[in-house]
């Protein structure tokens, strides 16, 4: 009986190790695909790499201040699964994008306190340093998104792509 229990524990450990290694390989492949996609942008587009997130600046911002932890942020966004660029739309507050996809939105900018727990890690890392008026694409592997969880209509371990425009930043909003 003891030998049987040890075999079960060893088998479970092997399955978990393989699963963990598979996730690691999946994330590495996603990051390579993102890097490949980003390489196709013009040298005029500034690219920012920060803690697993990649931000491609499409339109530079107009303000001097940059977004930092503790600031409140008002922004427009469209969230997609990453598929060598925009994949399937899963959320937006951009009226034109919502109408084209038959989604509902009030068209108002989303407000969030930057650095709060309400943000997924990849988005938090990608947003830092953005300026008012900036439009950027932020991409990251599933490791920095929802990981091994299914979230709404986003499959587990899915890389994400956000098209974000900063509307307003309120510094150190209390």
C-alpha atoms as a PDB file:
ATOM      1  CA  UNK A   1       0.000   0.000   0.000  1.00  0.00           C
ATOM      2  CA  UNK A   2       2.823   2.345   0.898  1.00  0.00           C
ATOM      3  CA  UNK A   3       4.540   1.648  -2.436  1.00  0.00           C
ATOM      4  CA  UNK A   4       1.246   2.377  -4.248  1.00  0.00           C
ATOM      5  CA  UNK A   5       0.925   5.752  -2.447  1.00  0.00           C
ATOM      6  CA  UNK A   6       4.499   6.666  -3.343  1.00  0.00           C
ATOM      7  CA  UNK A   7       3.837   5.810  -6.985  1.00  0.00           C
ATOM      8  CA  UNK A   8       0.715   8.016  -6.970  1.00  0.00           C
ATOM      9  CA  UNK A   9       2.641  10.924  -5.440  1.00  0.00           C
ATOM     10  CA  UNK A  10       5.454  10.497  -7.994  1.00  0.00           C
ATOM     11  CA  UNK A  11       2.948  10.368 -10.871  1.00  0.00           C
ATOM     12  CA  UNK A  12       1.153  13.487  -9.614  1.00  0.00           C
ATOM     13  CA  UNK A  13       4.476  15.327  -9.261  1.00  0.00           C
ATOM     14  CA  UNK A  14       5.462  14.346 -12.815  1.00  0.00           C
ATOM     15  CA  UNK A  15       2.135  15.578 -14.236  1.00  0.00           C
ATOM     16  CA  UNK A  16       2.398  18.867 -12.328  1.00  0.00           C
ATOM     17  CA  UNK A  17       6.016  19.347 -13.410  1.00  0.00           C
ATOM     18  CA  UNK A  18       5.093  18.747 -17.050  1.00  0.00           C
ATOM     19  CA  UNK A  19       2.137  21.119 -16.764  1.00  0.00           C
ATOM     20  CA  UNK A  20       4.358  23.826 -15.247  1.00  0.00           C
ATOM     21  CA  UNK A  21       7.000  23.291 -17.947  1.00  0.00           C
ATOM     22  CA  UNK A  22       4.307  23.423 -20.668  1.00  0.00           C
ATOM     23  CA  UNK A  23       3.041  26.766 -19.308  1.00  0.00           C
ATOM     24  CA  UNK A  24       6.590  28.110 -19.207  1.00  0.00           C
ATOM     25  CA  UNK A  25       7.137  27.104 -22.857  1.00  0.00           C
ATOM     26  CA  UNK A  26       3.772  28.538 -23.888  1.00  0.00           C
ATOM     27  CA  UNK A  27       4.590  31.901 -22.299  1.00  0.00           C
ATOM     28  CA  UNK A  28       8.054  31.937 -23.903  1.00  0.00           C
ATOM     29  CA  UNK A  29       6.471  31.280 -27.322  1.00  0.00           C
ATOM     30  CA  UNK A  30       3.927  34.061 -26.734  1.00  0.00           C
ATOM     31  CA  UNK A  31       6.689  36.510 -25.801  1.00  0.00           C
ATOM     32  CA  UNK A  32       8.640  35.563 -28.939  1.00  0.00           C
ATOM     33  CA  UNK A  33       5.509  36.134 -31.062  1.00  0.00           C
ATOM     34  CA  UNK A  34       5.004  39.561 -29.465  1.00  0.00           C
ATOM     35  CA  UNK A  35       8.648  40.477 -30.121  1.00  0.00           C
ATOM     36  CA  UNK A  36       8.264  39.362 -33.738  1.00  0.00           C
ATOM     37  CA  UNK A  37       5.116  41.476 -34.155  1.00  0.00           C
ATOM     38  CA  UNK A  38       6.772  44.532 -32.579  1.00  0.00           C
ATOM     39  CA  UNK A  39       9.802  44.173 -34.875  1.00  0.00           C
ATOM     40  CA  UNK A  40       7.496  44.988 -37.792  1.00  0.00           C
ATOM     41  CA  UNK A  41       6.800  48.524 -36.553  1.00  0.00           C
ATOM     42  CA  UNK A  42       8.546  51.573 -37.937  1.00  0.00           C
ATOM     43  CA  UNK A  43      11.700  52.814 -36.225  1.00  0.00           C
ATOM     44  CA  UNK A  44       9.692  56.006 -35.622  1.00  0.00           C
ATOM     45  CA  UNK A  45       7.497  54.145 -33.128  1.00  0.00           C
ATOM     46  CA  UNK A  46       9.029  54.234 -29.663  1.00  0.00           C
ATOM     47  CA  UNK A  47       8.989  50.810 -27.984  1.00  0.00           C
ATOM     48  CA  UNK A  48       9.082  50.449 -24.198  1.00  0.00           C
ATOM     49  CA  UNK A  49       9.831  47.106 -22.519  1.00  0.00           C
ATOM     50  CA  UNK A  50       8.878  46.948 -18.853  1.00  0.00           C
ATOM     51  CA  UNK A  51       8.630  43.853 -16.639  1.00  0.00           C
ATOM     52  CA  UNK A  52       7.101  41.537 -19.240  1.00  0.00           C
ATOM     53  CA  UNK A  53       5.014  44.172 -21.046  1.00  0.00           C
ATOM     54  CA  UNK A  54       5.774  45.764 -24.390  1.00  0.00           C
ATOM     55  CA  UNK A  55       4.365  49.200 -25.263  1.00  0.00           C
ATOM     56  CA  UNK A  56       4.502  50.501 -28.828  1.00  0.00           C
ATOM     57  CA  UNK A  57       3.805  54.234 -28.897  1.00  0.00           C
ATOM     58  CA  UNK A  58       1.591  55.016 -31.879  1.00  0.00           C
ATOM     59  CA  UNK A  59       1.016  58.696 -31.003  1.00  0.00           C
ATOM     60  CA  UNK A  60       3.201  60.505 -28.476  1.00  0.00           C
ATOM     61  CA  UNK A  61       1.477  62.267 -25.583  1.00  0.00           C
ATOM     62  CA  UNK A  62       1.235  66.003 -25.177  1.00  0.00           C
ATOM     63  CA  UNK A  63       1.885  66.476 -21.467  1.00  0.00           C
ATOM     64  CA  UNK A  64       5.115  66.677 -19.500  1.00  0.00           C
ATOM     65  CA  UNK A  65       3.825  64.562 -16.604  1.00  0.00           C
ATOM     66  CA  UNK A  66       3.962  60.800 -16.878  1.00  0.00           C
ATOM     67  CA  UNK A  67       1.755  58.255 -15.174  1.00  0.00           C
ATOM     68  CA  UNK A  68       3.099  57.014 -11.832  1.00  0.00           C
ATOM     69  CA  UNK A  69       1.808  54.868  -8.979  1.00  0.00           C
ATOM     70  CA  UNK A  70      -0.909  56.665  -6.996  1.00  0.00           C
ATOM     71  CA  UNK A  71      -2.141  58.786  -9.921  1.00  0.00           C
ATOM     72  CA  UNK A  72      -5.684  58.478 -11.194  1.00  0.00           C
ATOM     73  CA  UNK A  73      -5.996  57.664 -14.840  1.00  0.00           C
ATOM     74  CA  UNK A  74      -8.821  58.278 -17.310  1.00  0.00           C
ATOM     75  CA  UNK A  75      -8.385  56.310 -20.521  1.00  0.00           C
ATOM     76  CA  UNK A  76     -10.019  54.776 -23.548  1.00  0.00           C
ATOM     77  CA  UNK A  77      -9.168  51.185 -24.345  1.00  0.00           C
ATOM     78  CA  UNK A  78      -9.915  48.226 -26.527  1.00  0.00           C
ATOM     79  CA  UNK A  79      -8.780  44.859 -25.175  1.00  0.00           C
ATOM     80  CA  UNK A  80      -8.077  41.988 -27.535  1.00  0.00           C
ATOM     81  CA  UNK A  81      -6.536  38.569 -27.326  1.00  0.00           C
ATOM     82  CA  UNK A  82      -3.127  38.737 -28.997  1.00  0.00           C
ATOM     83  CA  UNK A  83      -2.914  36.962 -32.342  1.00  0.00           C
ATOM     84  CA  UNK A  84       0.156  38.495 -34.021  1.00  0.00           C
ATOM     85  CA  UNK A  85      -1.650  41.785 -33.443  1.00  0.00           C
ATOM     86  CA  UNK A  86      -5.277  42.289 -32.565  1.00  0.00           C
ATOM     87  CA  UNK A  87      -7.168  39.060 -32.093  1.00  0.00           C
ATOM     88  CA  UNK A  88     -10.683  38.800 -30.681  1.00  0.00           C
ATOM     89  CA  UNK A  89     -12.120  41.862 -28.948  1.00  0.00           C
ATOM     90  CA  UNK A  90     -13.149  41.141 -25.350  1.00  0.00           C
ATOM     91  CA  UNK A  91     -13.778  44.639 -23.929  1.00  0.00           C
ATOM     92  CA  UNK A  92     -13.816  48.290 -24.981  1.00  0.00           C
ATOM     93  CA  UNK A  93     -15.090  51.713 -23.994  1.00  0.00           C
ATOM     94  CA  UNK A  94     -14.426  53.195 -27.455  1.00  0.00           C
ATOM     95  CA  UNK A  95     -17.841  53.877 -28.966  1.00  0.00           C
ATOM     96  CA  UNK A  96     -16.867  53.189 -32.619  1.00  0.00           C
ATOM     97  CA  UNK A  97     -15.115  49.918 -31.747  1.00  0.00           C
ATOM     98  CA  UNK A  98     -18.049  48.818 -29.570  1.00  0.00           C
ATOM     99  CA  UNK A  99     -20.626  49.577 -32.270  1.00  0.00           C
ATOM    100  CA  UNK A 100     -18.645  47.681 -34.920  1.00  0.00           C
ATOM    101  CA  UNK A 101     -18.453  44.621 -32.623  1.00  0.00           C
ATOM    102  CA  UNK A 102     -22.037  44.920 -31.354  1.00  0.00           C
ATOM    103  CA  UNK A 103     -20.806  45.584 -27.783  1.00  0.00           C
ATOM    104  CA  UNK A 104     -22.372  48.052 -25.376  1.00  0.00           C
ATOM    105  CA  UNK A 105     -20.419  50.993 -23.995  1.00  0.00           C
ATOM    106  CA  UNK A 106     -21.362  54.410 -22.669  1.00  0.00           C
ATOM    107  CA  UNK A 107     -18.297  55.786 -24.459  1.00  0.00           C
ATOM    108  CA  UNK A 108     -16.897  57.406 -21.324  1.00  0.00           C
ATOM    109  CA  UNK A 109     -13.238  57.096 -20.337  1.00  0.00           C
ATOM    110  CA  UNK A 110     -12.483  54.437 -17.730  1.00  0.00           C
ATOM    111  CA  UNK A 111     -11.166  55.791 -14.442  1.00  0.00           C
ATOM    112  CA  UNK A 112      -8.817  53.773 -12.277  1.00  0.00           C
ATOM    113  CA  UNK A 113      -6.204  54.479  -9.656  1.00  0.00           C
ATOM    114  CA  UNK A 114      -2.918  53.443 -11.228  1.00  0.00           C
ATOM    115  CA  UNK A 115      -1.188  50.641  -9.358  1.00  0.00           C
ATOM    116  CA  UNK A 116      -4.380  49.332  -7.755  1.00  0.00           C
ATOM    117  CA  UNK A 117      -5.055  45.619  -7.439  1.00  0.00           C
ATOM    118  CA  UNK A 118      -7.874  46.020  -9.970  1.00  0.00           C
ATOM    119  CA  UNK A 119      -5.301  46.006 -12.791  1.00  0.00           C
ATOM    120  CA  UNK A 120      -3.661  42.935 -14.239  1.00  0.00           C
ATOM    121  CA  UNK A 121       0.113  42.965 -13.966  1.00  0.00           C
ATOM    122  CA  UNK A 122       0.832  43.308 -17.690  1.00  0.00           C
ATOM    123  CA  UNK A 123      -1.380  46.356 -18.022  1.00  0.00           C
ATOM    124  CA  UNK A 124       0.045  47.919 -14.868  1.00  0.00           C
ATOM    125  CA  UNK A 125       3.587  47.471 -16.193  1.00  0.00           C
ATOM    126  CA  UNK A 126       2.745  48.718 -19.671  1.00  0.00           C
ATOM    127  CA  UNK A 127       0.900  51.861 -18.601  1.00  0.00           C
ATOM    128  CA  UNK A 128       3.648  53.289 -16.421  1.00  0.00           C
ATOM    129  CA  UNK A 129       5.234  56.336 -18.007  1.00  0.00           C
ATOM    130  CA  UNK A 130       2.394  57.089 -20.451  1.00  0.00           C
ATOM    131  CA  UNK A 131       1.347  60.717 -20.945  1.00  0.00           C
ATOM    132  CA  UNK A 132      -1.957  62.505 -21.604  1.00  0.00           C
ATOM    133  CA  UNK A 133      -2.847  62.185 -25.281  1.00  0.00           C
ATOM    134  CA  UNK A 134      -0.598  59.161 -25.822  1.00  0.00           C
ATOM    135  CA  UNK A 135      -1.984  56.285 -27.868  1.00  0.00           C
ATOM    136  CA  UNK A 136      -0.126  53.011 -27.456  1.00  0.00           C
ATOM    137  CA  UNK A 137      -0.439  49.301 -27.978  1.00  0.00           C
ATOM    138  CA  UNK A 138       0.403  47.288 -24.860  1.00  0.00           C
ATOM    139  CA  UNK A 139       1.049  43.570 -25.237  1.00  0.00           C
ATOM    140  CA  UNK A 140       2.057  40.814 -22.850  1.00  0.00           C
ATOM    141  CA  UNK A 141       1.987  37.048 -22.471  1.00  0.00           C
ATOM    142  CA  UNK A 142      -0.653  35.200 -20.501  1.00  0.00           C
ATOM    143  CA  UNK A 143       1.825  35.062 -17.621  1.00  0.00           C
ATOM    144  CA  UNK A 144       1.169  38.778 -16.979  1.00  0.00           C
ATOM    145  CA  UNK A 145      -2.519  38.580 -17.834  1.00  0.00           C
ATOM    146  CA  UNK A 146      -4.912  36.075 -16.320  1.00  0.00           C
ATOM    147  CA  UNK A 147      -2.434  33.209 -16.212  1.00  0.00           C
ATOM    148  CA  UNK A 148      -3.916  29.751 -15.879  1.00  0.00           C
ATOM    149  CA  UNK A 149      -7.438  31.091 -15.229  1.00  0.00           C
ATOM    150  CA  UNK A 150     -10.342  31.571 -17.618  1.00  0.00           C
ATOM    151  CA  UNK A 151     -11.574  35.150 -17.262  1.00  0.00           C
ATOM    152  CA  UNK A 152     -14.947  35.973 -18.827  1.00  0.00           C
ATOM    153  CA  UNK A 153     -14.505  35.093 -22.520  1.00  0.00           C
ATOM    154  CA  UNK A 154     -10.676  34.996 -22.375  1.00  0.00           C
ATOM    155  CA  UNK A 155      -9.183  31.481 -22.409  1.00  0.00           C
ATOM    156  CA  UNK A 156      -6.525  30.626 -19.845  1.00  0.00           C
ATOM    157  CA  UNK A 157      -2.874  31.425 -20.671  1.00  0.00           C
ATOM    158  CA  UNK A 158      -3.917  33.866 -23.413  1.00  0.00           C
ATOM    159  CA  UNK A 159      -1.592  36.718 -24.443  1.00  0.00           C
ATOM    160  CA  UNK A 160      -3.326  40.101 -24.512  1.00  0.00           C
ATOM    161  CA  UNK A 161      -3.230  43.228 -26.693  1.00  0.00           C
ATOM    162  CA  UNK A 162      -4.573  46.600 -25.535  1.00  0.00           C
ATOM    163  CA  UNK A 163      -5.029  49.719 -27.655  1.00  0.00           C
ATOM    164  CA  UNK A 164      -4.996  52.554 -25.092  1.00  0.00           C
ATOM    165  CA  UNK A 165      -5.347  56.332 -25.292  1.00  0.00           C
ATOM    166  CA  UNK A 166      -4.777  58.400 -22.148  1.00  0.00           C
ATOM    167  CA  UNK A 167      -7.461  61.065 -21.681  1.00  0.00           C
ATOM    168  CA  UNK A 168      -6.433  62.558 -18.320  1.00  0.00           C
ATOM    169  CA  UNK A 169      -4.047  61.974 -15.419  1.00  0.00           C
ATOM    170  CA  UNK A 170      -4.667  63.364 -11.938  1.00  0.00           C
ATOM    171  CA  UNK A 171      -1.367  63.336 -10.030  1.00  0.00           C
ATOM    172  CA  UNK A 172      -1.348  61.573  -6.629  1.00  0.00           C
ATOM    173  CA  UNK A 173      -5.135  61.542  -6.471  1.00  0.00           C
ATOM    174  CA  UNK A 174      -6.298  61.041  -2.892  1.00  0.00           C
END
